[in-house]
Protein backbone atom coordinates (compact mmCIF):
# COMPACT_ATOMS: atom_id res chain seq x y z
CA MET A 1 -19.57 5.68 5.69
CA ILE A 2 -16.27 4.22 4.87
CA THR A 3 -14.38 2.31 7.60
CA TRP A 4 -11.29 0.23 7.72
CA ALA A 5 -10.31 -2.94 9.70
CA ILE A 6 -7.02 -4.72 9.96
CA ALA A 7 -7.43 -8.35 8.95
CA LYS A 8 -6.80 -10.95 11.43
CA GLY A 9 -6.68 -14.77 11.24
CA ASP A 10 -8.20 -16.30 8.18
CA GLU A 11 -9.33 -12.82 7.04
CA ARG A 12 -5.71 -12.01 6.12
CA GLN A 13 -5.62 -14.73 3.39
CA LEU A 14 -9.05 -13.93 2.09
CA LEU A 15 -8.13 -10.14 1.85
CA ALA A 16 -4.68 -11.04 0.30
CA HIS A 17 -6.44 -13.15 -2.39
CA TRP A 18 -9.10 -10.32 -3.03
CA VAL A 19 -6.21 -7.74 -3.54
CA ALA A 20 -4.07 -10.19 -5.61
CA ASP A 21 -7.16 -10.99 -7.84
CA HIS A 22 -7.68 -7.43 -8.50
CA ILE A 23 -4.16 -6.71 -9.22
CA TRP A 24 -3.53 -9.76 -11.34
CA PRO A 25 -6.92 -11.36 -12.52
CA GLY A 26 -6.83 -14.92 -13.03
CA ALA A 27 -3.07 -15.25 -12.23
CA GLY A 28 -3.39 -17.20 -8.98
CA ARG A 29 -0.79 -15.18 -7.25
CA ASP A 30 -0.64 -14.45 -3.59
CA PHE A 31 1.53 -12.60 -1.06
CA GLY A 32 2.54 -15.32 1.27
CA ASN A 33 3.14 -14.29 4.80
CA CYS A 34 1.43 -10.94 5.12
CA GLN A 35 -0.79 -8.49 6.95
CA GLY A 36 -3.78 -6.66 5.53
CA MET A 37 -6.25 -3.99 5.83
CA ALA A 38 -9.70 -3.78 4.28
CA VAL A 39 -11.53 -0.62 3.48
CA ILE A 40 -15.36 -1.14 3.99
CA GLU A 41 -18.29 0.75 2.72
CA ASN A 42 -21.88 -0.39 3.37
CA GLU A 43 -20.60 -3.74 4.65
CA ALA A 44 -18.71 -4.36 1.38
CA VAL A 45 -15.04 -4.43 0.83
CA ILE A 46 -14.19 -1.49 -1.63
CA GLY A 47 -10.42 -1.53 -1.09
CA GLY A 48 -7.56 -3.52 0.27
CA ALA A 49 -3.91 -3.22 1.15
CA VAL A 50 -1.49 -5.94 2.09
CA TRP A 51 1.85 -5.31 3.74
CA HIS A 52 4.28 -8.17 2.65
CA ASN A 53 8.01 -8.88 1.81
CA TYR A 54 8.94 -7.69 5.40
CA GLU A 55 12.76 -7.34 5.74
CA SER A 56 13.33 -7.16 9.47
CA ASP A 57 17.11 -6.66 9.07
CA SER A 58 16.55 -3.50 7.06
CA GLY A 59 13.27 -2.41 8.47
CA VAL A 60 11.52 -2.40 4.94
CA ILE A 61 8.19 -3.68 4.01
CA GLU A 62 6.29 -3.58 0.71
CA ILE A 63 2.70 -2.57 0.32
CA SER A 64 0.27 -3.63 -2.39
CA ALA A 65 -3.25 -2.44 -2.93
CA ALA A 66 -6.32 -2.57 -5.00
CA ALA A 67 -9.78 -1.03 -4.93
CA THR A 68 -13.20 -0.93 -6.74
CA SER A 69 -13.94 2.51 -5.70
CA LYS A 70 -11.98 5.70 -5.69
CA ARG A 71 -13.53 6.60 -2.41
CA TRP A 72 -11.43 4.07 -0.51
CA LEU A 73 -8.28 6.23 -0.28
CA THR A 74 -9.37 8.78 2.38
CA LYS A 75 -6.89 10.74 4.69
CA ALA A 76 -7.81 8.34 7.49
CA THR A 77 -7.03 5.31 5.31
CA LEU A 78 -3.67 6.81 4.44
CA SER A 79 -2.91 7.54 8.12
CA VAL A 80 -3.41 3.84 8.86
CA LEU A 81 -1.89 2.53 5.72
CA PHE A 82 1.51 4.18 6.57
CA GLY A 83 1.09 4.60 10.12
CA VAL A 84 0.97 1.02 11.00
CA PRO A 85 4.39 0.10 9.29
CA PHE A 86 6.23 3.24 10.73
CA LYS A 87 4.68 3.55 14.17
CA GLU A 88 3.77 0.07 15.02
CA TRP A 89 6.30 -2.05 13.20
CA ASN A 90 9.34 0.54 13.43
CA CYS A 91 9.81 0.24 9.79
CA GLN A 92 12.25 2.86 8.19
CA ALA A 93 10.81 2.54 4.70
CA VAL A 94 7.82 1.43 2.69
CA VAL A 95 8.00 0.28 -0.85
CA MET A 96 5.46 -0.01 -3.46
CA ARG A 97 5.74 -1.23 -7.01
CA VAL A 98 3.69 0.44 -9.85
CA SER A 99 3.08 0.09 -13.51
CA ASP A 100 4.36 2.74 -15.97
CA HIS A 101 0.63 2.95 -17.01
CA ASP A 102 -0.80 4.30 -13.70
CA ALA A 103 -0.03 8.04 -13.88
CA PRO A 104 -2.62 8.92 -11.16
CA LEU A 105 -1.01 6.69 -8.63
CA HIS A 106 2.35 8.13 -9.62
CA ARG A 107 1.15 11.48 -8.86
CA MET A 108 -0.45 10.66 -5.60
CA LEU A 109 2.60 8.84 -4.42
CA LYS A 110 4.93 11.74 -5.25
CA ALA A 111 2.67 14.04 -3.35
CA TYR A 112 2.67 11.84 -0.40
CA GLY A 113 6.60 11.79 -0.15
CA PHE A 114 7.55 8.86 -1.94
CA GLU A 115 10.68 8.73 -4.27
CA ARG A 116 10.50 6.95 -7.70
CA TYR A 117 13.01 4.64 -9.11
CA ARG A 118 12.06 3.21 -12.64
CA ILE A 119 13.78 -0.06 -13.43
CA PRO A 120 13.41 -1.11 -17.16
CA ARG A 121 12.20 -4.71 -17.94
CA LEU A 122 11.40 -5.47 -14.30
CA ARG A 123 7.78 -6.17 -15.30
CA GLY A 124 8.81 -8.06 -18.40
CA ARG A 125 10.57 -7.51 -21.73
CA ASP A 126 8.50 -4.63 -22.67
CA GLU A 127 7.46 -3.01 -19.26
CA ALA A 128 9.49 -1.17 -16.46
CA GLU A 129 8.68 -1.48 -13.01
CA ASN A 130 8.41 1.76 -10.98
CA VAL A 131 9.64 1.33 -7.34
CA PHE A 132 8.35 3.89 -5.13
CA VAL A 133 10.08 4.37 -1.73
CA LEU A 134 8.66 6.29 1.14
CA THR A 135 11.09 6.75 4.14
CA GLU A 136 10.01 7.31 7.66
CA GLU A 137 11.33 10.80 7.56
CA ASN A 138 9.50 11.69 4.30
CA TRP A 139 6.23 10.27 5.70
CA ALA A 140 6.63 12.05 9.07
CA SER A 141 7.10 15.51 7.28
CA ASN A 142 4.68 15.13 4.36
CA LYS A 143 1.90 17.87 4.26
CA PHE A 144 -0.86 15.32 5.08
CA ASN A 145 0.78 14.38 8.27
CA ARG A 146 1.74 17.90 9.41
CA LYS A 147 -1.92 19.06 8.86
CA ASN A 148 -3.13 16.30 10.99
CA GLU A 149 -0.56 16.42 13.86
CA VAL A 150 -2.21 16.18 17.37
CA HIS A 151 -0.35 17.89 20.13
């Protein structure tokens, strides 16, 4: 069974390092001040997401994620992943940066309601960065949330 948990205390940095190590192996990068969510199957972390770079004045937060299994991204996980920033933190937009080379994630984010902005050379001289932005309105009206509304 797949479950999720919001990381608390020291778990936050452990999860942030786990996610960073899966995104940038051996780079020693981290997310600084962040919050995180672990996705667990059979008592092992199979996925994690980190909310970081929060801008309180603009109500925008960035999210980064990594996984060792495709099973991590369930409808329940998506609900928490984006429900927390929009419902609990009153964010008006969530940003995710993605490589040009991750076409499956591009498709999923577009289907979920994200808008894509491609910025040449943002990942280096020879690679663009794709900045995906999910507004609160697009999140609230996407087909995944409409199907799961509870009245």
